[in-house]
Amino acid sequence: FSLLQSDCTISIVNQADNVYRKCLANGTWALKGNYSMCKAILHEEKKGKMHYQIAVIINFLGHCISMVALLIAFFLFLCLRSIRCLRNIIHWNLITAFILRNATWFIVQLTMSPEVHESNVVWCRLVTASFNYFHSTNFFWMFGEGCYLHTAIVLTYSTDKLRKWMFICIGWCIPFPIIVAWAIGKLYYDNEKCWFGKRAGVYTDYIYQGPMILVLVINFIFLFNIVRILMTKLRASTTSETIQYRKAVKATLVLLPLLGITYMLFFVNPGEDEISQIVFIYFNSFLESFQGFFVSVFYCFLNSEVRSAVRKRFHRWQEQHSIRARMTQAMSIPTSPSRVSFHSIKQSTSL
């Protein structure tokens, strides 16, 4: 009995999430086990899968809406030649970078499957490298926005020295060798699963993530200095150029944290708590997928220069349309009554 009692005592000890059976006073086991500490694994898996599917839908919907908004903004900047200045050219290139990133995101979603990941073929690695390149250009063009604003507001007399090719080098050229170095690192140290994700102990992804974090930090420093100057030096100024700068600063103040917060979320571990994981999934999916939409709204649709140029183009089209309508109406006016009566008289006399 003492041996049985000791066995029962050992069995009373319960580990988390395990089923246990109570040892009765007479040394025998209870007829039924206690399942109160167990979790419904299948139910949890179904809930997790449901949240993942909803997040995927949010991602696709957000990227589709962003793509439509970005394309409209791109063609507005393309057609409105009257507003071609360095500031709007930078906006245009930023929108182009977001279009290309969204396009490669769709390619990744439509072509990457578990089988492709395992095969690790060349084309899938090139798709991953292209996506990371255009993802990097988003950050470097935002850095170009910050550089231009900082030069125009803080270093007022230096704007004449700024050239378009400088920002093209910042936005399109600098990310290229960074991604090439990352691809070489992946090829030699983490050449698997189409270069998505990272293996434990391998830090090749920081080759391109590090510069992106660096330009984010520099941009935040720029913005802090810009806001300080705006609050002191430009508060009383009401010139049209100053108003444009203020609006550009407001747009950057909204978009830069948005871009940065979304990226920094990848470094955050939501933990094992179910609610925090769900919030993380939805929050990240929404912010990442709607970035292009916010960029289009703040840098194009709410841009007073763009709206004024669109309004002028629309009024010009209305005037041309009304002139054409009046000319068509004048051409379709019937012959005068006197001329009709003359012909009728002539015909009657001939009869």
Protein backbone atom coordinates (compact mmCIF):
# COMPACT_ATOMS: atom_id res chain seq x y z
CA PHE A 1 0.00 0.00 0.00
CA SER A 2 2.82 2.36 0.81
CA LEU A 3 4.25 1.83 -2.68
CA LEU A 4 0.85 2.46 -4.25
CA GLN A 5 0.41 5.52 -2.07
CA SER A 6 3.78 6.89 -3.21
CA ASP A 7 2.86 6.24 -6.85
CA CYS A 8 -0.41 8.10 -6.34
CA THR A 9 1.40 11.00 -4.74
CA ILE A 10 3.70 11.33 -7.74
CA SER A 11 0.75 11.23 -10.09
CA ILE A 12 -1.00 14.07 -8.30
CA VAL A 13 1.71 16.49 -9.50
CA ASN A 14 0.32 18.22 -12.60
CA GLN A 15 2.23 19.92 -15.36
CA ALA A 16 0.66 22.84 -17.26
CA ASP A 17 -1.66 21.91 -20.12
CA ASN A 18 -1.70 18.19 -19.18
CA VAL A 19 -4.53 15.89 -18.25
CA TYR A 20 -4.35 14.35 -14.78
CA ARG A 21 -6.28 11.82 -12.71
CA LYS A 22 -6.89 12.20 -8.98
CA CYS A 23 -5.58 9.61 -6.53
CA LEU A 24 -8.29 8.73 -4.01
CA ALA A 25 -7.80 8.22 -0.29
CA ASN A 26 -8.03 4.44 -0.59
CA GLY A 27 -5.07 4.37 -2.98
CA THR A 28 -7.08 3.86 -6.17
CA TRP A 29 -7.42 6.14 -9.22
CA ALA A 30 -10.53 8.17 -10.01
CA LEU A 31 -12.62 6.76 -12.85
CA LYS A 32 -12.27 9.89 -15.06
CA GLY A 33 -9.34 12.13 -15.81
CA ASN A 34 -9.43 15.89 -15.29
CA TYR A 35 -9.10 17.74 -18.62
CA SER A 36 -9.62 21.28 -17.24
CA MET A 37 -5.96 22.24 -17.73
CA CYS A 38 -5.91 21.19 -21.39
CA LYS A 39 -6.23 23.52 -24.33
CA ALA A 40 -8.31 22.82 -27.39
CA ILE A 41 -5.44 22.54 -29.84
CA LEU A 42 -7.59 22.13 -32.93
CA HIS A 43 -9.75 25.09 -31.91
CA GLU A 44 -6.67 27.28 -31.40
CA GLU A 45 -5.28 26.21 -34.76
CA LYS A 46 -8.56 27.07 -36.47
CA LYS A 47 -8.67 30.49 -34.82
CA GLY A 48 -5.06 31.19 -35.78
CA LYS A 49 -5.71 30.11 -39.36
CA MET A 50 -8.81 32.30 -39.53
CA HIS A 51 -6.88 35.39 -38.32
CA TYR A 52 -4.10 34.65 -40.81
CA GLN A 53 -6.60 34.41 -43.68
CA ILE A 54 -8.22 37.72 -42.66
CA ALA A 55 -4.77 39.34 -42.52
CA VAL A 56 -4.03 38.02 -46.02
CA ILE A 57 -7.30 39.55 -47.29
CA ILE A 58 -6.43 42.89 -45.65
CA ASN A 59 -3.00 42.73 -47.27
CA PHE A 60 -4.36 42.08 -50.76
CA LEU A 61 -7.12 44.69 -50.40
CA GLY A 62 -4.69 47.30 -49.08
CA HIS A 63 -2.13 46.67 -51.82
CA CYS A 64 -4.85 46.84 -54.51
CA ILE A 65 -6.20 50.17 -53.18
CA SER A 66 -2.66 51.51 -52.82
CA MET A 67 -1.77 50.43 -56.35
CA VAL A 68 -4.79 52.21 -57.86
CA ALA A 69 -4.07 55.40 -55.88
CA LEU A 70 -0.36 55.28 -56.77
CA LEU A 71 -1.07 54.83 -60.50
CA ILE A 72 -3.49 57.78 -60.50
CA ALA A 73 -0.91 59.92 -58.70
CA PHE A 74 1.84 58.79 -61.10
CA PHE A 75 -0.16 59.79 -64.20
CA LEU A 76 -1.16 63.12 -62.62
CA PHE A 77 2.50 64.02 -62.13
CA LEU A 78 3.25 62.72 -65.64
CA CYS A 79 0.55 64.81 -67.35
CA LEU A 80 0.79 68.04 -65.33
CA ARG A 81 3.97 69.53 -66.80
CA SER A 82 3.21 72.96 -65.33
CA ILE A 83 4.12 71.79 -61.81
CA ARG A 84 7.46 70.18 -62.75
CA CYS A 85 9.86 71.34 -60.08
CA LEU A 86 12.48 69.50 -58.05
CA ARG A 87 10.17 69.05 -55.05
CA ASN A 88 7.41 67.43 -57.13
CA ILE A 89 9.91 65.35 -59.10
CA ILE A 90 11.05 63.85 -55.78
CA HIS A 91 7.38 63.13 -54.92
CA TRP A 92 6.94 61.51 -58.33
CA ASN A 93 9.96 59.24 -57.89
CA LEU A 94 8.82 58.24 -54.40
CA ILE A 95 5.43 57.25 -55.83
CA THR A 96 7.20 55.31 -58.63
CA ALA A 97 9.27 53.42 -56.03
CA PHE A 98 6.10 52.46 -54.17
CA ILE A 99 4.46 51.29 -57.42
CA LEU A 100 7.41 49.02 -58.19
CA ARG A 101 7.50 47.67 -54.63
CA ASN A 102 3.78 46.89 -54.73
CA ALA A 103 4.16 45.25 -58.14
CA THR A 104 6.95 42.96 -56.89
CA TRP A 105 4.86 42.22 -53.78
CA PHE A 106 2.08 40.90 -56.02
CA ILE A 107 4.62 38.82 -57.97
CA VAL A 108 5.92 37.34 -54.71
CA GLN A 109 2.42 36.47 -53.52
CA LEU A 110 1.36 34.91 -56.82
CA THR A 111 4.51 32.92 -57.60
CA MET A 112 5.99 31.85 -54.27
CA SER A 113 4.67 28.53 -53.03
CA PRO A 114 6.12 26.03 -50.50
CA GLU A 115 7.39 23.93 -53.40
CA VAL A 116 9.16 26.92 -54.96
CA HIS A 117 10.65 27.84 -51.58
CA GLU A 118 12.07 24.37 -51.15
CA SER A 119 13.40 24.21 -54.72
CA ASN A 120 15.25 27.54 -54.24
CA VAL A 121 15.43 28.14 -57.99
CA VAL A 122 17.29 31.13 -59.45
CA TRP A 123 14.24 33.11 -60.56
CA CYS A 124 12.63 33.06 -57.11
CA ARG A 125 15.85 34.41 -55.56
CA LEU A 126 15.87 37.18 -58.17
CA VAL A 127 12.24 38.03 -57.29
CA THR A 128 13.18 38.29 -53.60
CA ALA A 129 16.18 40.46 -54.42
CA SER A 130 14.01 42.74 -56.61
CA PHE A 131 11.42 43.10 -53.86
CA ASN A 132 14.07 44.00 -51.28
CA TYR A 133 15.66 46.48 -53.71
CA PHE A 134 12.39 48.35 -54.33
CA HIS A 135 11.59 48.14 -50.62
CA SER A 136 14.92 49.86 -49.93
CA THR A 137 14.25 52.55 -52.56
CA ASN A 138 11.11 53.55 -50.63
CA PHE A 139 13.25 54.42 -47.63
CA PHE A 140 15.96 56.17 -49.64
CA TRP A 141 13.42 58.31 -51.52
CA MET A 142 11.86 59.24 -48.18
CA PHE A 143 15.40 60.16 -47.18
CA GLY A 144 15.54 62.31 -50.33
CA GLU A 145 12.35 64.05 -49.20
CA GLY A 146 13.95 64.76 -45.84
CA CYS A 147 17.19 66.02 -47.45
CA TYR A 148 15.31 68.41 -49.73
CA LEU A 149 13.14 69.83 -46.94
CA HIS A 150 16.12 70.21 -44.62
CA THR A 151 18.10 72.04 -47.30
CA ALA A 152 15.18 74.27 -48.33
CA ILE A 153 14.17 75.28 -44.80
CA VAL A 154 17.30 75.07 -42.67
CA LEU A 155 19.96 75.81 -45.32
CA THR A 156 17.85 78.33 -47.22
CA TYR A 157 20.46 79.61 -49.66
CA SER A 158 21.66 76.16 -50.73
CA THR A 159 18.57 75.07 -52.71
CA ASP A 160 20.00 76.45 -55.95
CA LYS A 161 22.82 73.93 -55.69
CA LEU A 162 20.46 70.97 -55.54
CA ARG A 163 20.16 68.96 -58.76
CA LYS A 164 17.85 66.18 -59.86
CA TRP A 165 20.71 63.73 -60.46
CA MET A 166 21.72 63.97 -56.79
CA PHE A 167 18.35 62.65 -55.64
CA ILE A 168 18.29 60.00 -58.38
CA CYS A 169 21.62 58.73 -57.04
CA ILE A 170 20.23 58.71 -53.48
CA GLY A 171 16.93 57.05 -54.37
CA TRP A 172 17.81 54.58 -57.13
CA CYS A 173 21.59 54.09 -57.21
CA ILE A 174 22.69 53.76 -53.55
CA PRO A 175 20.29 50.85 -52.75
CA PHE A 176 21.62 48.81 -55.69
CA PRO A 177 25.14 47.94 -54.37
CA ILE A 178 23.60 47.35 -50.93
CA ILE A 179 21.24 44.71 -52.33
CA VAL A 180 24.06 43.20 -54.43
CA ALA A 181 26.17 42.82 -51.26
CA TRP A 182 23.16 41.29 -49.47
CA ALA A 183 22.61 38.83 -52.37
CA ILE A 184 26.27 37.76 -52.26
CA GLY A 185 26.00 37.23 -48.50
CA LYS A 186 22.83 35.16 -48.95
CA LEU A 187 24.43 33.11 -51.71
CA TYR A 188 27.37 32.09 -49.55
CA TYR A 189 25.88 31.94 -46.05
CA ASP A 190 22.08 31.48 -46.27
CA ASN A 191 21.29 30.11 -49.71
CA GLU A 192 17.90 28.48 -49.06
CA LYS A 193 14.14 29.08 -49.27
CA CYS A 194 14.41 31.71 -52.02
CA TRP A 195 16.32 33.97 -49.60
CA PHE A 196 13.19 34.62 -47.55
CA GLY A 197 13.64 34.66 -43.79
CA LYS A 198 16.94 34.08 -42.06
CA ARG A 199 18.73 31.18 -40.47
CA ALA A 200 19.64 31.31 -36.78
CA GLY A 201 23.05 32.86 -36.26
CA VAL A 202 23.23 34.35 -39.77
CA TYR A 203 22.86 38.13 -40.01
CA THR A 204 23.11 38.81 -43.75
CA ASP A 205 19.70 40.54 -43.79
CA TYR A 206 21.21 43.39 -41.77
CA ILE A 207 23.30 44.29 -44.82
CA TYR A 208 20.23 46.02 -46.30
CA GLN A 209 18.18 46.50 -43.12
CA GLY A 210 20.98 48.44 -41.42
CA PRO A 211 21.13 51.26 -44.02
CA MET A 212 17.32 51.49 -44.01
CA ILE A 213 17.31 51.98 -40.23
CA LEU A 214 20.13 54.51 -40.56
CA VAL A 215 18.29 56.70 -43.09
CA LEU A 216 15.18 56.53 -40.89
CA VAL A 217 17.14 57.82 -37.91
CA ILE A 218 18.74 60.61 -39.99
CA ASN A 219 15.33 61.59 -41.35
CA PHE A 220 13.91 61.86 -37.84
CA ILE A 221 16.83 64.14 -36.93
CA PHE A 222 16.15 66.23 -40.04
CA LEU A 223 12.47 66.51 -39.15
CA PHE A 224 13.22 67.55 -35.59
CA ASN A 225 15.48 70.34 -36.86
CA ILE A 226 12.94 71.37 -39.55
CA VAL A 227 10.09 71.63 -37.05
CA ARG A 228 12.30 73.68 -34.72
CA ILE A 229 13.06 76.15 -37.53
CA LEU A 230 9.43 76.28 -38.67
CA MET A 231 8.22 77.14 -35.18
CA THR A 232 10.64 80.05 -34.87
CA LYS A 233 11.69 81.43 -38.23
CA LEU A 234 8.83 80.69 -40.65
CA ARG A 235 5.82 81.10 -38.35
CA ALA A 236 4.97 84.62 -39.54
CA SER A 237 5.85 84.10 -43.19
CA THR A 238 2.92 83.78 -45.59
CA THR A 239 4.60 83.43 -48.99
CA SER A 240 3.34 80.70 -51.28
CA GLU A 241 6.71 78.93 -51.22
CA THR A 242 6.72 78.84 -47.42
CA ILE A 243 3.16 77.51 -47.36
CA GLN A 244 4.20 74.70 -49.73
CA TYR A 245 7.13 73.83 -47.47
CA ARG A 246 4.85 73.74 -44.44
CA LYS A 247 2.49 71.33 -46.18
CA ALA A 248 5.38 69.16 -47.32
CA VAL A 249 6.71 69.05 -43.76
CA LYS A 250 3.28 68.05 -42.43
CA ALA A 251 3.05 65.25 -45.02
CA THR A 252 6.54 63.99 -44.14
CA LEU A 253 5.77 64.19 -40.41
CA VAL A 254 2.84 61.84 -41.01
CA LEU A 255 4.43 59.49 -43.57
CA LEU A 256 7.90 59.02 -42.10
CA PRO A 257 6.71 57.64 -38.74
CA LEU A 258 4.19 55.54 -40.65
CA LEU A 259 6.93 54.05 -42.80
CA GLY A 260 9.27 53.67 -39.84
CA ILE A 261 6.76 52.18 -37.42
CA THR A 262 5.70 49.60 -39.98
CA TYR A 263 9.30 48.56 -40.58
CA MET A 264 10.24 48.54 -36.89
CA LEU A 265 7.35 46.15 -36.20
CA PHE A 266 9.41 43.42 -37.85
CA PHE A 267 11.86 43.67 -34.95
CA VAL A 268 9.12 43.39 -32.32
CA ASN A 269 8.23 40.03 -30.84
CA PRO A 270 4.54 40.04 -29.85
CA GLY A 271 5.15 37.19 -27.40
CA GLU A 272 3.02 34.15 -26.78
CA ASP A 273 -0.07 36.09 -25.71
CA GLU A 274 -2.86 35.38 -28.20
CA ILE A 275 -4.36 38.88 -28.13
CA SER A 276 -1.00 40.61 -28.70
CA GLN A 277 -0.29 38.29 -31.65
CA ILE A 278 -3.66 39.06 -33.25
CA VAL A 279 -3.19 42.82 -32.77
CA PHE A 280 0.32 42.56 -34.22
CA ILE A 281 -0.90 40.66 -37.31
CA TYR A 282 -3.76 43.06 -38.10
CA PHE A 283 -1.85 46.26 -37.28
CA ASN A 284 1.15 45.24 -39.38
CA SER A 285 -1.00 44.06 -42.32
CA PHE A 286 -2.99 47.30 -42.43
CA LEU A 287 -0.03 49.69 -42.15
CA GLU A 288 2.19 47.84 -44.60
CA SER A 289 -0.45 47.40 -47.29
CA PHE A 290 -1.90 50.95 -47.15
CA GLN A 291 1.45 52.78 -47.20
CA GLY A 292 1.19 53.54 -50.92
CA PHE A 293 -2.31 54.94 -50.47
CA PHE A 294 -1.14 57.33 -47.73
CA VAL A 295 1.83 58.45 -49.84
CA SER A 296 -0.49 59.20 -52.79
CA VAL A 297 -2.94 61.14 -50.61
CA PHE A 298 -0.40 63.32 -48.80
CA TYR A 299 2.06 63.97 -51.63
CA CYS A 300 -0.36 64.16 -54.57
CA PHE A 301 -4.09 64.33 -53.85
CA LEU A 302 -3.69 66.90 -51.03
CA ASN A 303 -0.91 68.77 -52.85
CA SER A 304 -2.30 72.27 -53.56
CA GLU A 305 -0.12 72.63 -56.69
CA VAL A 306 -1.50 69.41 -58.14
CA ARG A 307 -5.08 70.33 -57.28
CA SER A 308 -4.69 73.81 -58.78
CA ALA A 309 -3.17 72.40 -61.98
CA VAL A 310 -5.94 69.79 -62.27
CA ARG A 311 -8.56 72.50 -61.76
CA LYS A 312 -7.01 74.69 -64.47
CA ARG A 313 -6.77 71.74 -66.86
CA PHE A 314 -10.42 70.87 -66.20
CA HIS A 315 -11.57 74.49 -66.78
CA ARG A 316 -9.55 74.60 -70.02
CA TRP A 317 -11.17 71.37 -71.14
CA GLN A 318 -14.60 72.79 -70.31
CA GLU A 319 -13.91 75.93 -72.33
CA GLN A 320 -12.65 73.94 -75.32
CA HIS A 321 -15.64 71.64 -75.09
CA SER A 322 -18.09 74.58 -74.97
CA ILE A 323 -16.38 76.29 -77.93
CA ARG A 324 -16.52 73.05 -79.92
CA ALA A 325 -20.19 72.64 -79.00
CA ARG A 326 -20.99 76.20 -80.12
CA MET A 327 -19.17 75.68 -83.43
CA THR A 328 -21.05 72.43 -84.01
CA GLN A 329 -24.32 74.16 -83.20
CA ALA A 330 -23.51 77.02 -85.60
CA MET A 331 -22.70 74.58 -88.40
CA SER A 332 -25.98 72.74 -87.88
CA ILE A 333 -28.24 75.88 -88.11
CA PRO A 334 -30.78 75.45 -91.02
CA THR A 335 -30.92 77.85 -93.99
CA SER A 336 -32.73 81.15 -93.47
CA PRO A 337 -36.47 81.52 -94.35
CA SER A 338 -35.79 84.05 -97.11
CA ARG A 339 -33.52 81.61 -98.91
CA VAL A 340 -36.09 78.84 -98.60
CA SER A 341 -38.84 81.04 -99.99
CA PHE A 342 -36.63 82.04 -102.94
CA HIS A 343 -36.06 78.40 -103.90
CA SER A 344 -39.72 77.59 -103.50
CA ILE A 345 -40.67 80.52 -105.74
CA LYS A 346 -38.14 79.43 -108.34
CA GLN A 347 -39.52 75.90 -108.33
CA SER A 348 -43.11 77.11 -108.63
CA THR A 349 -42.31 79.34 -111.62
CA SER A 350 -40.60 76.50 -113.43
CA LEU A 351 -43.74 74.41 -113.03
